[in-house]
PDB file of N, CA and C in Angstrom:
ATOM      1  N   MET A   1      -9.084   5.540  -8.329  1.00  0.00           N
ATOM      2  CA  MET A   1      -7.649   5.735  -8.214  1.00  0.00           C
ATOM      3  C   MET A   1      -6.907   4.620  -8.943  1.00  0.00           C
ATOM      4  N   ARG A   2      -5.743   4.947  -9.438  1.00  0.00           N
ATOM      5  CA  ARG A   2      -4.831   3.960 -10.041  1.00  0.00           C
ATOM      6  C   ARG A   2      -3.955   3.420  -8.906  1.00  0.00           C
ATOM      7  N   VAL A   3      -4.046   2.115  -8.658  1.00  0.00           N
ATOM      8  CA  VAL A   3      -3.446   1.527  -7.461  1.00  0.00           C
ATOM      9  C   VAL A   3      -2.403   0.462  -7.811  1.00  0.00           C
ATOM     10  N   LEU A   4      -1.290   0.497  -7.090  1.00  0.00           N
ATOM     11  CA  LEU A   4      -0.279  -0.554  -7.110  1.00  0.00           C
ATOM     12  C   LEU A   4      -0.467  -1.355  -5.829  1.00  0.00           C
ATOM     13  N   VAL A   5      -0.720  -2.647  -5.948  1.00  0.00           N
ATOM     14  CA  VAL A   5      -0.960  -3.517  -4.791  1.00  0.00           C
ATOM     15  C   VAL A   5       0.313  -4.298  -4.497  1.00  0.00           C
ATOM     16  N   VAL A   6       0.807  -4.176  -3.263  1.00  0.00           N
ATOM     17  CA  VAL A   6       2.050  -4.832  -2.865  1.00  0.00           C
ATOM     18  C   VAL A   6       1.787  -5.752  -1.677  1.00  0.00           C
ATOM     19  N   ASP A   7       1.989  -7.052  -1.890  1.00  0.00           N
ATOM     20  CA  ASP A   7       1.840  -8.047  -0.824  1.00  0.00           C
ATOM     21  C   ASP A   7       2.551  -9.308  -1.284  1.00  0.00           C
ATOM     22  N   ASP A   8       3.280  -9.955  -0.390  1.00  0.00           N
ATOM     23  CA  ASP A   8       4.003 -11.167  -0.789  1.00  0.00           C
ATOM     24  C   ASP A   8       3.095 -12.386  -0.904  1.00  0.00           C
ATOM     25  N   SER A   9       1.866 -12.277  -0.450  1.00  0.00           N
ATOM     26  CA  SER A   9       0.899 -13.367  -0.559  1.00  0.00           C
ATOM     27  C   SER A   9       0.004 -13.157  -1.784  1.00  0.00           C
ATOM     28  N   GLY A  10       0.069 -14.102  -2.716  1.00  0.00           N
ATOM     29  CA  GLY A  10      -0.778 -14.020  -3.900  1.00  0.00           C
ATOM     30  C   GLY A  10      -2.252 -14.015  -3.544  1.00  0.00           C
ATOM     31  N   PHE A  11      -2.613 -14.794  -2.544  1.00  0.00           N
ATOM     32  CA  PHE A  11      -4.009 -14.842  -2.093  1.00  0.00           C
ATOM     33  C   PHE A  11      -4.467 -13.469  -1.613  1.00  0.00           C
ATOM     34  N   MET A  12      -3.638 -12.809  -0.801  1.00  0.00           N
ATOM     35  CA  MET A  12      -4.027 -11.495  -0.274  1.00  0.00           C
ATOM     36  C   MET A  12      -4.064 -10.451  -1.381  1.00  0.00           C
ATOM     37  N   ARG A  13      -3.102 -10.500  -2.318  1.00  0.00           N
ATOM     38  CA  ARG A  13      -3.145  -9.559  -3.436  1.00  0.00           C
ATOM     39  C   ARG A  13      -4.464  -9.701  -4.189  1.00  0.00           C
ATOM     40  N   LYS A  14      -4.847 -10.954  -4.456  1.00  0.00           N
ATOM     41  CA  LYS A  14      -6.091 -11.205  -5.190  1.00  0.00           C
ATOM     42  C   LYS A  14      -7.295 -10.656  -4.423  1.00  0.00           C
ATOM     43  N   ARG A  15      -7.330 -10.892  -3.135  1.00  0.00           N
ATOM     44  CA  ARG A  15      -8.448 -10.425  -2.303  1.00  0.00           C
ATOM     45  C   ARG A  15      -8.522  -8.896  -2.274  1.00  0.00           C
ATOM     46  N   ILE A  16      -7.371  -8.253  -2.121  1.00  0.00           N
ATOM     47  CA  ILE A  16      -7.323  -6.787  -2.102  1.00  0.00           C
ATOM     48  C   ILE A  16      -7.741  -6.232  -3.455  1.00  0.00           C
ATOM     49  N   ILE A  17      -7.236  -6.831  -4.524  1.00  0.00           N
ATOM     50  CA  ILE A  17      -7.575  -6.374  -5.878  1.00  0.00           C
ATOM     51  C   ILE A  17      -9.071  -6.493  -6.140  1.00  0.00           C
ATOM     52  N   GLU A  18      -9.652  -7.609  -5.759  1.00  0.00           N
ATOM     53  CA  GLU A  18     -11.097  -7.789  -5.949  1.00  0.00           C
ATOM     54  C   GLU A  18     -11.885  -6.709  -5.221  1.00  0.00           C
ATOM     55  N   GLU A  19     -11.491  -6.421  -3.989  1.00  0.00           N
ATOM     56  CA  GLU A  19     -12.173  -5.383  -3.203  1.00  0.00           C
ATOM     57  C   GLU A  19     -12.042  -4.016  -3.879  1.00  0.00           C
ATOM     58  N   LEU A  20     -10.834  -3.677  -4.304  1.00  0.00           N
ATOM     59  CA  LEU A  20     -10.618  -2.365  -4.903  1.00  0.00           C
ATOM     60  C   LEU A  20     -11.340  -2.229  -6.246  1.00  0.00           C
ATOM     61  N   ARG A  21     -11.270  -3.251  -7.064  1.00  0.00           N
ATOM     62  CA  ARG A  21     -11.968  -3.204  -8.362  1.00  0.00           C
ATOM     63  C   ARG A  21     -13.476  -3.091  -8.178  1.00  0.00           C
ATOM     64  N   SER A  22     -14.010  -3.744  -7.155  1.00  0.00           N
ATOM     65  CA  SER A  22     -15.461  -3.686  -6.929  1.00  0.00           C
ATOM     66  C   SER A  22     -15.914  -2.274  -6.556  1.00  0.00           C
ATOM     67  N   HIS A  23     -14.969  -1.425  -6.176  1.00  0.00           N
ATOM     68  CA  HIS A  23     -15.288  -0.030  -5.856  1.00  0.00           C
ATOM     69  C   HIS A  23     -14.762   0.935  -6.916  1.00  0.00           C
ATOM     70  N   GLY A  24     -14.447   0.401  -8.092  1.00  0.00           N
ATOM     71  CA  GLY A  24     -14.098   1.248  -9.221  1.00  0.00           C
ATOM     72  C   GLY A  24     -12.653   1.676  -9.352  1.00  0.00           C
ATOM     73  N   HIS A  25     -11.771   1.134  -8.530  1.00  0.00           N
ATOM     74  CA  HIS A  25     -10.356   1.506  -8.635  1.00  0.00           C
ATOM     75  C   HIS A  25      -9.669   0.668  -9.709  1.00  0.00           C
ATOM     76  N   ALA A  26      -8.712   1.263 -10.395  1.00  0.00           N
ATOM     77  CA  ALA A  26      -7.952   0.571 -11.441  1.00  0.00           C
ATOM     78  C   ALA A  26      -6.652   0.039 -10.841  1.00  0.00           C
ATOM     79  N   ILE A  27      -6.420  -1.242 -10.999  1.00  0.00           N
ATOM     80  CA  ILE A  27      -5.180  -1.841 -10.515  1.00  0.00           C
ATOM     81  C   ILE A  27      -4.165  -1.746 -11.650  1.00  0.00           C
ATOM     82  N   VAL A  28      -3.122  -0.953 -11.448  1.00  0.00           N
ATOM     83  CA  VAL A  28      -2.132  -0.745 -12.506  1.00  0.00           C
ATOM     84  C   VAL A  28      -0.945  -1.686 -12.378  1.00  0.00           C
ATOM     85  N   GLY A  29      -0.808  -2.338 -11.218  1.00  0.00           N
ATOM     86  CA  GLY A  29       0.295  -3.264 -11.039  1.00  0.00           C
ATOM     87  C   GLY A  29       0.195  -4.011  -9.731  1.00  0.00           C
ATOM     88  N   GLU A  30       0.959  -5.113  -9.681  1.00  0.00           N
ATOM     89  CA  GLU A  30       1.052  -5.947  -8.483  1.00  0.00           C
ATOM     90  C   GLU A  30       2.527  -6.218  -8.218  1.00  0.00           C
ATOM     91  N   ALA A  31       2.902  -6.206  -6.956  1.00  0.00           N
ATOM     92  CA  ALA A  31       4.275  -6.529  -6.571  1.00  0.00           C
ATOM     93  C   ALA A  31       4.241  -7.481  -5.388  1.00  0.00           C
ATOM     94  N   LYS A  32       5.201  -8.409  -5.361  1.00  0.00           N
ATOM     95  CA  LYS A  32       5.264  -9.361  -4.257  1.00  0.00           C
ATOM     96  C   LYS A  32       6.454  -9.113  -3.335  1.00  0.00           C
ATOM     97  N   SER A  33       7.182  -8.014  -3.578  1.00  0.00           N
ATOM     98  CA  SER A  33       8.316  -7.669  -2.705  1.00  0.00           C
ATOM     99  C   SER A  33       8.513  -6.157  -2.705  1.00  0.00           C
ATOM    100  N   GLY A  34       9.268  -5.710  -1.730  1.00  0.00           N
ATOM    101  CA  GLY A  34       9.583  -4.292  -1.657  1.00  0.00           C
ATOM    102  C   GLY A  34      10.376  -3.806  -2.854  1.00  0.00           C
ATOM    103  N   ASP A  35      11.309  -4.639  -3.330  1.00  0.00           N
ATOM    104  CA  ASP A  35      12.093  -4.272  -4.512  1.00  0.00           C
ATOM    105  C   ASP A  35      11.196  -4.070  -5.729  1.00  0.00           C
ATOM    106  N   GLU A  36      10.275  -5.006  -5.952  1.00  0.00           N
ATOM    107  CA  GLU A  36       9.346  -4.876  -7.071  1.00  0.00           C
ATOM    108  C   GLU A  36       8.476  -3.633  -6.910  1.00  0.00           C
ATOM    109  N   ALA A  37       8.063  -3.345  -5.683  1.00  0.00           N
ATOM    110  CA  ALA A  37       7.223  -2.177  -5.427  1.00  0.00           C
ATOM    111  C   ALA A  37       7.923  -0.891  -5.848  1.00  0.00           C
ATOM    112  N   VAL A  38       9.181  -0.753  -5.477  1.00  0.00           N
ATOM    113  CA  VAL A  38       9.936   0.458  -5.818  1.00  0.00           C
ATOM    114  C   VAL A  38      10.071   0.586  -7.333  1.00  0.00           C
ATOM    115  N   GLU A  39      10.437  -0.499  -7.998  1.00  0.00           N
ATOM    116  CA  GLU A  39      10.595  -0.477  -9.453  1.00  0.00           C
ATOM    117  C   GLU A  39       9.279  -0.150 -10.158  1.00  0.00           C
ATOM    118  N   LEU A  40       8.202  -0.818  -9.745  1.00  0.00           N
ATOM    119  CA  LEU A  40       6.908  -0.562 -10.377  1.00  0.00           C
ATOM    120  C   LEU A  40       6.409   0.849 -10.092  1.00  0.00           C
ATOM    121  N   TYR A  41       6.676   1.358  -8.901  1.00  0.00           N
ATOM    122  CA  TYR A  41       6.269   2.727  -8.602  1.00  0.00           C
ATOM    123  C   TYR A  41       6.939   3.692  -9.579  1.00  0.00           C
ATOM    124  N   ARG A  42       8.222   3.482  -9.805  1.00  0.00           N
ATOM    125  CA  ARG A  42       8.966   4.368 -10.706  1.00  0.00           C
ATOM    126  C   ARG A  42       8.376   4.374 -12.118  1.00  0.00           C
ATOM    127  N   THR A  43       7.979   3.213 -12.596  1.00  0.00           N
ATOM    128  CA  THR A  43       7.495   3.137 -13.980  1.00  0.00           C
ATOM    129  C   THR A  43       6.003   3.443 -14.105  1.00  0.00           C
ATOM    130  N   LEU A  44       5.203   3.062 -13.126  1.00  0.00           N
ATOM    131  CA  LEU A  44       3.747   3.203 -13.238  1.00  0.00           C
ATOM    132  C   LEU A  44       3.201   4.509 -12.680  1.00  0.00           C
ATOM    133  N   LYS A  45       3.898   5.101 -11.721  1.00  0.00           N
ATOM    134  CA  LYS A  45       3.439   6.329 -11.053  1.00  0.00           C
ATOM    135  C   LYS A  45       1.966   6.236 -10.636  1.00  0.00           C
ATOM    136  N   PRO A  46       1.617   5.241  -9.794  1.00  0.00           N
ATOM    137  CA  PRO A  46       0.218   5.087  -9.372  1.00  0.00           C
ATOM    138  C   PRO A  46      -0.217   6.223  -8.450  1.00  0.00           C
ATOM    139  N   ASP A  47      -1.530   6.361  -8.320  1.00  0.00           N
ATOM    140  CA  ASP A  47      -2.082   7.355  -7.395  1.00  0.00           C
ATOM    141  C   ASP A  47      -1.934   6.899  -5.945  1.00  0.00           C
ATOM    142  N   LEU A  48      -1.883   5.568  -5.762  1.00  0.00           N
ATOM    143  CA  LEU A  48      -1.846   4.992  -4.422  1.00  0.00           C
ATOM    144  C   LEU A  48      -1.103   3.663  -4.448  1.00  0.00           C
ATOM    145  N   VAL A  49      -0.368   3.391  -3.376  1.00  0.00           N
ATOM    146  CA  VAL A  49       0.273   2.095  -3.177  1.00  0.00           C
ATOM    147  C   VAL A  49      -0.306   1.490  -1.912  1.00  0.00           C
ATOM    148  N   THR A  50      -0.855   0.261  -2.019  1.00  0.00           N
ATOM    149  CA  THR A  50      -1.216  -0.476  -0.809  1.00  0.00           C
ATOM    150  C   THR A  50      -0.005  -1.340  -0.505  1.00  0.00           C
ATOM    151  N   MET A  51       0.570  -1.174   0.663  1.00  0.00           N
ATOM    152  CA  MET A  51       1.869  -1.775   0.980  1.00  0.00           C
ATOM    153  C   MET A  51       1.785  -2.687   2.198  1.00  0.00           C
ATOM    154  N   ASP A  52       2.097  -3.960   1.980  1.00  0.00           N
ATOM    155  CA  ASP A  52       2.250  -4.902   3.086  1.00  0.00           C
ATOM    156  C   ASP A  52       3.518  -4.509   3.849  1.00  0.00           C
ATOM    157  N   ILE A  53       3.576  -4.790   5.126  1.00  0.00           N
ATOM    158  CA  ILE A  53       4.771  -4.443   5.899  1.00  0.00           C
ATOM    159  C   ILE A  53       5.781  -5.573   5.903  1.00  0.00           C
ATOM    160  N   THR A  54       5.355  -6.775   6.238  1.00  0.00           N
ATOM    161  CA  THR A  54       6.306  -7.880   6.346  1.00  0.00           C
ATOM    162  C   THR A  54       6.375  -8.665   5.045  1.00  0.00           C
ATOM    163  N   MET A  55       7.531  -8.550   4.392  1.00  0.00           N
ATOM    164  CA  MET A  55       7.799  -9.289   3.158  1.00  0.00           C
ATOM    165  C   MET A  55       9.258  -9.717   3.180  1.00  0.00           C
ATOM    166  N   ARG A  56       9.549 -10.796   2.472  1.00  0.00           N
ATOM    167  CA  ARG A  56      10.940 -11.258   2.369  1.00  0.00           C
ATOM    168  C   ARG A  56      11.759 -10.234   1.597  1.00  0.00           C
ATOM    169  N   GLU A  57      13.034 -10.315   1.716  1.00  0.00           N
ATOM    170  CA  GLU A  57      13.980  -9.419   1.060  1.00  0.00           C
ATOM    171  C   GLU A  57      13.811  -7.998   1.577  1.00  0.00           C
ATOM    172  N   LYS A  58      13.046  -7.173   0.904  1.00  0.00           N
ATOM    173  CA  LYS A  58      12.857  -5.791   1.347  1.00  0.00           C
ATOM    174  C   LYS A  58      11.440  -5.636   1.888  1.00  0.00           C
ATOM    175  N   ASP A  59      11.331  -5.219   3.153  1.00  0.00           N
ATOM    176  CA  ASP A  59      10.008  -5.073   3.769  1.00  0.00           C
ATOM    177  C   ASP A  59       9.323  -3.789   3.290  1.00  0.00           C
ATOM    178  N   GLY A  60       8.053  -3.666   3.635  1.00  0.00           N
ATOM    179  CA  GLY A  60       7.258  -2.539   3.179  1.00  0.00           C
ATOM    180  C   GLY A  60       7.698  -1.197   3.730  1.00  0.00           C
ATOM    181  N   ILE A  61       8.181  -1.171   4.957  1.00  0.00           N
ATOM    182  CA  ILE A  61       8.655   0.092   5.543  1.00  0.00           C
ATOM    183  C   ILE A  61       9.854   0.608   4.751  1.00  0.00           C
ATOM    184  N   THR A  62      10.800  -0.277   4.456  1.00  0.00           N
ATOM    185  CA  THR A  62      11.991   0.110   3.697  1.00  0.00           C
ATOM    186  C   THR A  62      11.617   0.555   2.288  1.00  0.00           C
ATOM    187  N   ALA A  63      10.719  -0.187   1.638  1.00  0.00           N
ATOM    188  CA  ALA A  63      10.277   0.188   0.291  1.00  0.00           C
ATOM    189  C   ALA A  63       9.574   1.546   0.312  1.00  0.00           C
ATOM    190  N   ALA A  64       8.731   1.769   1.311  1.00  0.00           N
ATOM    191  CA  ALA A  64       8.028   3.049   1.423  1.00  0.00           C
ATOM    192  C   ALA A  64       9.012   4.199   1.608  1.00  0.00           C
ATOM    193  N   LYS A  65      10.050   3.988   2.412  1.00  0.00           N
ATOM    194  CA  LYS A  65      11.074   5.032   2.597  1.00  0.00           C
ATOM    195  C   LYS A  65      11.708   5.398   1.262  1.00  0.00           C
ATOM    196  N   GLU A  66      12.015   4.376   0.452  1.00  0.00           N
ATOM    197  CA  GLU A  66      12.623   4.636  -0.858  1.00  0.00           C
ATOM    198  C   GLU A  66      11.663   5.386  -1.774  1.00  0.00           C
ATOM    199  N   ILE A  67      10.423   4.944  -1.819  1.00  0.00           N
ATOM    200  CA  ILE A  67       9.433   5.597  -2.676  1.00  0.00           C
ATOM    201  C   ILE A  67       9.222   7.039  -2.241  1.00  0.00           C
ATOM    202  N   LEU A  68       9.031   7.253  -0.956  1.00  0.00           N
ATOM    203  CA  LEU A  68       8.803   8.610  -0.452  1.00  0.00           C
ATOM    204  C   LEU A  68      10.049   9.482  -0.567  1.00  0.00           C
ATOM    205  N   GLY A  69      11.230   8.855  -0.545  1.00  0.00           N
ATOM    206  CA  GLY A  69      12.464   9.597  -0.757  1.00  0.00           C
ATOM    207  C   GLY A  69      12.552  10.146  -2.174  1.00  0.00           C
ATOM    208  N   GLU A  70      12.013   9.405  -3.126  1.00  0.00           N
ATOM    209  CA  GLU A  70      12.007   9.836  -4.530  1.00  0.00           C
ATOM    210  C   GLU A  70      10.794  10.704  -4.851  1.00  0.00           C
ATOM    211  N   ASP A  71       9.667  10.429  -4.189  1.00  0.00           N
ATOM    212  CA  ASP A  71       8.427  11.160  -4.451  1.00  0.00           C
ATOM    213  C   ASP A  71       7.712  11.416  -3.119  1.00  0.00           C
ATOM    214  N   PRO A  72       8.033  12.529  -2.480  1.00  0.00           N
ATOM    215  CA  PRO A  72       7.430  12.824  -1.172  1.00  0.00           C
ATOM    216  C   PRO A  72       5.909  12.930  -1.185  1.00  0.00           C
ATOM    217  N   LYS A  73       5.316  13.078  -2.363  1.00  0.00           N
ATOM    218  CA  LYS A  73       3.862  13.181  -2.463  1.00  0.00           C
ATOM    219  C   LYS A  73       3.192  11.831  -2.705  1.00  0.00           C
ATOM    220  N   ALA A  74       3.961  10.756  -2.694  1.00  0.00           N
ATOM    221  CA  ALA A  74       3.395   9.417  -2.914  1.00  0.00           C
ATOM    222  C   ALA A  74       2.374   9.098  -1.832  1.00  0.00           C
ATOM    223  N   ASN A  75       1.287   8.464  -2.234  1.00  0.00           N
ATOM    224  CA  ASN A  75       0.247   8.030  -1.298  1.00  0.00           C
ATOM    225  C   ASN A  75       0.459   6.552  -0.997  1.00  0.00           C
ATOM    226  N   ILE A  76       0.852   6.267   0.229  1.00  0.00           N
ATOM    227  CA  ILE A  76       1.086   4.882   0.633  1.00  0.00           C
ATOM    228  C   ILE A  76       0.160   4.540   1.789  1.00  0.00           C
ATOM    229  N   LEU A  77      -0.581   3.460   1.589  1.00  0.00           N
ATOM    230  CA  LEU A  77      -1.500   2.947   2.600  1.00  0.00           C
ATOM    231  C   LEU A  77      -0.962   1.590   3.039  1.00  0.00           C
ATOM    232  N   PHE A  78      -0.538   1.497   4.291  1.00  0.00           N
ATOM    233  CA  PHE A  78      -0.017   0.230   4.791  1.00  0.00           C
ATOM    234  C   PHE A  78      -1.157  -0.712   5.148  1.00  0.00           C
ATOM    235  N   LEU A  79      -1.056  -1.925   4.647  1.00  0.00           N
ATOM    236  CA  LEU A  79      -2.013  -2.985   4.953  1.00  0.00           C
ATOM    237  C   LEU A  79      -1.242  -4.100   5.626  1.00  0.00           C
ATOM    238  N   THR A  80      -1.688  -4.511   6.798  1.00  0.00           N
ATOM    239  CA  THR A  80      -0.948  -5.519   7.546  1.00  0.00           C
ATOM    240  C   THR A  80      -1.878  -6.279   8.475  1.00  0.00           C
ATOM    241  N   ILE A  81      -1.420  -7.410   8.939  1.00  0.00           N
ATOM    242  CA  ILE A  81      -2.156  -8.128   9.981  1.00  0.00           C
ATOM    243  C   ILE A  81      -1.556  -7.820  11.340  1.00  0.00           C
ATOM    244  N   LEU A  82      -0.466  -7.055  11.331  1.00  0.00           N
ATOM    245  CA  LEU A  82       0.205  -6.682  12.572  1.00  0.00           C
ATOM    246  C   LEU A  82      -0.492  -5.482  13.201  1.00  0.00           C
ATOM    247  N   ASN A  83      -0.813  -5.567  14.455  1.00  0.00           N
ATOM    248  CA  ASN A  83      -1.418  -4.439  15.153  1.00  0.00           C
ATOM    249  C   ASN A  83      -0.422  -3.784  16.104  1.00  0.00           C
ATOM    250  N   ASP A  84       0.837  -3.964  15.817  1.00  0.00           N
ATOM    251  CA  ASP A  84       1.916  -3.462  16.649  1.00  0.00           C
ATOM    252  C   ASP A  84       2.009  -1.929  16.534  1.00  0.00           C
ATOM    253  N   ASP A  85       1.958  -1.254  17.665  1.00  0.00           N
ATOM    254  CA  ASP A  85       2.050   0.204  17.672  1.00  0.00           C
ATOM    255  C   ASP A  85       3.366   0.699  17.090  1.00  0.00           C
ATOM    256  N   LYS A  86       4.424  -0.110  17.212  1.00  0.00           N
ATOM    257  CA  LYS A  86       5.729   0.260  16.655  1.00  0.00           C
ATOM    258  C   LYS A  86       5.616   0.475  15.151  1.00  0.00           C
ATOM    259  N   TYR A  87       4.953  -0.434  14.451  1.00  0.00           N
ATOM    260  CA  TYR A  87       4.808  -0.309  13.001  1.00  0.00           C
ATOM    261  C   TYR A  87       3.891   0.850  12.644  1.00  0.00           C
ATOM    262  N   LYS A  88       2.835   1.004  13.411  1.00  0.00           N
ATOM    263  CA  LYS A  88       1.896   2.095  13.149  1.00  0.00           C
ATOM    264  C   LYS A  88       2.578   3.450  13.302  1.00  0.00           C
ATOM    265  N   SER A  89       3.365   3.614  14.362  1.00  0.00           N
ATOM    266  CA  SER A  89       4.040   4.890  14.560  1.00  0.00           C
ATOM    267  C   SER A  89       5.109   5.125  13.500  1.00  0.00           C
ATOM    268  N   GLU A  90       5.769   4.060  13.056  1.00  0.00           N
ATOM    269  CA  GLU A  90       6.759   4.190  11.979  1.00  0.00           C
ATOM    270  C   GLU A  90       6.073   4.615  10.680  1.00  0.00           C
ATOM    271  N   ALA A  91       4.918   4.029  10.393  1.00  0.00           N
ATOM    272  CA  ALA A  91       4.163   4.387   9.190  1.00  0.00           C
ATOM    273  C   ALA A  91       3.742   5.861   9.249  1.00  0.00           C
ATOM    274  N   GLU A  92       3.275   6.303  10.388  1.00  0.00           N
ATOM    275  CA  GLU A  92       2.879   7.698  10.553  1.00  0.00           C
ATOM    276  C   GLU A  92       4.075   8.629  10.400  1.00  0.00           C
ATOM    277  N   ARG A  93       5.206   8.231  10.987  1.00  0.00           N
ATOM    278  CA  ARG A  93       6.416   9.049  10.905  1.00  0.00           C
ATOM    279  C   ARG A  93       6.869   9.217   9.458  1.00  0.00           C
ATOM    280  N   LEU A  94       6.696   8.157   8.668  1.00  0.00           N
ATOM    281  CA  LEU A  94       7.077   8.210   7.255  1.00  0.00           C
ATOM    282  C   LEU A  94       6.159   9.105   6.436  1.00  0.00           C
ATOM    283  N   GLY A  95       4.966   9.332   6.925  1.00  0.00           N
ATOM    284  CA  GLY A  95       3.998  10.121   6.176  1.00  0.00           C
ATOM    285  C   GLY A  95       3.020   9.271   5.397  1.00  0.00           C
ATOM    286  N   ALA A  96       2.867   8.022   5.807  1.00  0.00           N
ATOM    287  CA  ALA A  96       1.897   7.141   5.149  1.00  0.00           C
ATOM    288  C   ALA A  96       0.499   7.698   5.338  1.00  0.00           C
ATOM    289  N   LYS A  97      -0.372   7.378   4.412  1.00  0.00           N
ATOM    290  CA  LYS A  97      -1.745   7.890   4.452  1.00  0.00           C
ATOM    291  C   LYS A  97      -2.656   7.072   5.345  1.00  0.00           C
ATOM    292  N   GLY A  98      -2.167   5.932   5.818  1.00  0.00           N
ATOM    293  CA  GLY A  98      -2.983   5.120   6.704  1.00  0.00           C
ATOM    294  C   GLY A  98      -2.315   3.806   7.035  1.00  0.00           C
ATOM    295  N   PHE A  99      -2.940   3.107   7.973  1.00  0.00           N
ATOM    296  CA  PHE A  99      -2.444   1.835   8.492  1.00  0.00           C
ATOM    297  C   PHE A  99      -3.680   1.013   8.797  1.00  0.00           C
ATOM    298  N   VAL A 100      -3.946  -0.024   7.961  1.00  0.00           N
ATOM    299  CA  VAL A 100      -5.209  -0.756   8.028  1.00  0.00           C
ATOM    300  C   VAL A 100      -4.941  -2.254   8.106  1.00  0.00           C
ATOM    301  N   ASN A 101      -5.786  -2.960   8.848  1.00  0.00           N
ATOM    302  CA  ASN A 101      -5.701  -4.421   8.890  1.00  0.00           C
ATOM    303  C   ASN A 101      -6.157  -4.968   7.543  1.00  0.00           C
ATOM    304  N   LYS A 102      -5.289  -5.697   6.863  1.00  0.00           N
ATOM    305  CA  LYS A 102      -5.596  -6.137   5.499  1.00  0.00           C
ATOM    306  C   LYS A 102      -6.671  -7.206   5.418  1.00  0.00           C
ATOM    307  N   THR A 103      -7.014  -7.831   6.523  1.00  0.00           N
ATOM    308  CA  THR A 103      -8.092  -8.819   6.482  1.00  0.00           C
ATOM    309  C   THR A 103      -9.467  -8.153   6.555  1.00  0.00           C
ATOM    310  N   ASP A 104      -9.493  -6.869   6.876  1.00  0.00           N
ATOM    311  CA  ASP A 104     -10.738  -6.105   6.964  1.00  0.00           C
ATOM    312  C   ASP A 104     -10.885  -5.274   5.686  1.00  0.00           C
ATOM    313  N   THR A 105     -11.279  -5.938   4.586  1.00  0.00           N
ATOM    314  CA  THR A 105     -11.296  -5.256   3.293  1.00  0.00           C
ATOM    315  C   THR A 105     -12.213  -4.029   3.240  1.00  0.00           C
ATOM    316  N   PRO A 106     -13.357  -3.991   3.933  1.00  0.00           N
ATOM    317  CA  PRO A 106     -14.145  -2.749   3.915  1.00  0.00           C
ATOM    318  C   PRO A 106     -13.370  -1.553   4.495  1.00  0.00           C
ATOM    319  N   SER A 107     -12.494  -1.803   5.460  1.00  0.00           N
ATOM    320  CA  SER A 107     -11.691  -0.713   6.029  1.00  0.00           C
ATOM    321  C   SER A 107     -10.682  -0.185   5.019  1.00  0.00           C
ATOM    322  N   ILE A 108     -10.219  -1.055   4.126  1.00  0.00           N
ATOM    323  CA  ILE A 108      -9.298  -0.620   3.076  1.00  0.00           C
ATOM    324  C   ILE A 108     -10.010   0.376   2.166  1.00  0.00           C
ATOM    325  N   THR A 109     -11.205   0.013   1.745  1.00  0.00           N
ATOM    326  CA  THR A 109     -11.993   0.881   0.871  1.00  0.00           C
ATOM    327  C   THR A 109     -12.295   2.210   1.562  1.00  0.00           C
ATOM    328  N   LYS A 110     -12.638   2.153   2.833  1.00  0.00           N
ATOM    329  CA  LYS A 110     -12.933   3.374   3.596  1.00  0.00           C
ATOM    330  C   LYS A 110     -11.694   4.269   3.676  1.00  0.00           C
ATOM    331  N   ALA A 111     -10.526   3.670   3.944  1.00  0.00           N
ATOM    332  CA  ALA A 111      -9.284   4.443   4.039  1.00  0.00           C
ATOM    333  C   ALA A 111      -8.945   5.107   2.703  1.00  0.00           C
ATOM    334  N   ILE A 112      -9.162   4.384   1.612  1.00  0.00           N
ATOM    335  CA  ILE A 112      -8.886   4.955   0.285  1.00  0.00           C
ATOM    336  C   ILE A 112      -9.834   6.119   0.000  1.00  0.00           C
ATOM    337  N   LYS A 113     -11.081   5.966   0.371  1.00  0.00           N
ATOM    338  CA  LYS A 113     -12.044   7.059   0.161  1.00  0.00           C
ATOM    339  C   LYS A 113     -11.605   8.305   0.929  1.00  0.00           C
ATOM    340  N   GLU A 114     -11.119   8.121   2.154  1.00  0.00           N
ATOM    341  CA  GLU A 114     -10.630   9.254   2.948  1.00  0.00           C
ATOM    342  C   GLU A 114      -9.425   9.907   2.293  1.00  0.00           C
ATOM    343  N   ILE A 115      -8.541   9.111   1.702  1.00  0.00           N
ATOM    344  CA  ILE A 115      -7.379   9.660   1.002  1.00  0.00           C
ATOM    345  C   ILE A 115      -7.836  10.482  -0.204  1.00  0.00           C
ATOM    346  N   GLU A 116      -8.784   9.947  -0.963  1.00  0.00           N
ATOM    347  CA  GLU A 116      -9.321  10.661  -2.132  1.00  0.00           C
ATOM    348  C   GLU A 116      -9.944  11.994  -1.736  1.00  0.00           C
ATOM    349  N   GLU A 117     -10.669  12.007  -0.636  1.00  0.00           N
ATOM    350  CA  GLU A 117     -11.350  13.226  -0.193  1.00  0.00           C
ATOM    351  C   GLU A 117     -10.369  14.308   0.225  1.00  0.00           C
ATOM    352  N   LYS A 118      -9.194  13.928   0.681  1.00  0.00           N
ATOM    353  CA  LYS A 118      -8.196  14.892   1.119  1.00  0.00           C
ATOM    354  C   LYS A 118      -7.394  15.479  -0.034  1.00  0.00           C
ATOM    355  N   GLN A 119      -7.531  14.894  -1.205  1.00  0.00           N
ATOM    356  CA  GLN A 119      -6.728  15.392  -2.338  1.00  0.00           C
ATOM    357  C   GLN A 119      -7.442  16.429  -3.147  1.00  0.00           C
TER     358      GLN A 119
END
């Protein structure tokens, strides 16, 4: 899959990218804010967006709403360290393809494989 990785932490972006590349996914872009995510989505049209929830300026939930408002078929996988049911239910309500703990990189790969199988 062609993936846009969104996380305000450079360390986490690097870790996620390494995991995804090791499983054959192409990283088409990186964003460190919700605003950058929306702009890059518009220009890159990735197959999947991995979206952090808590970021400065525009958070991942708000960015996902904008992306899905423009492209209801967008595949967004939320990656977070928050295990709050409030965020999980909001992600589900938006139509996100999943909600995964970003420190558990094998779970990210598993979630992406499940998304691919459903398409």
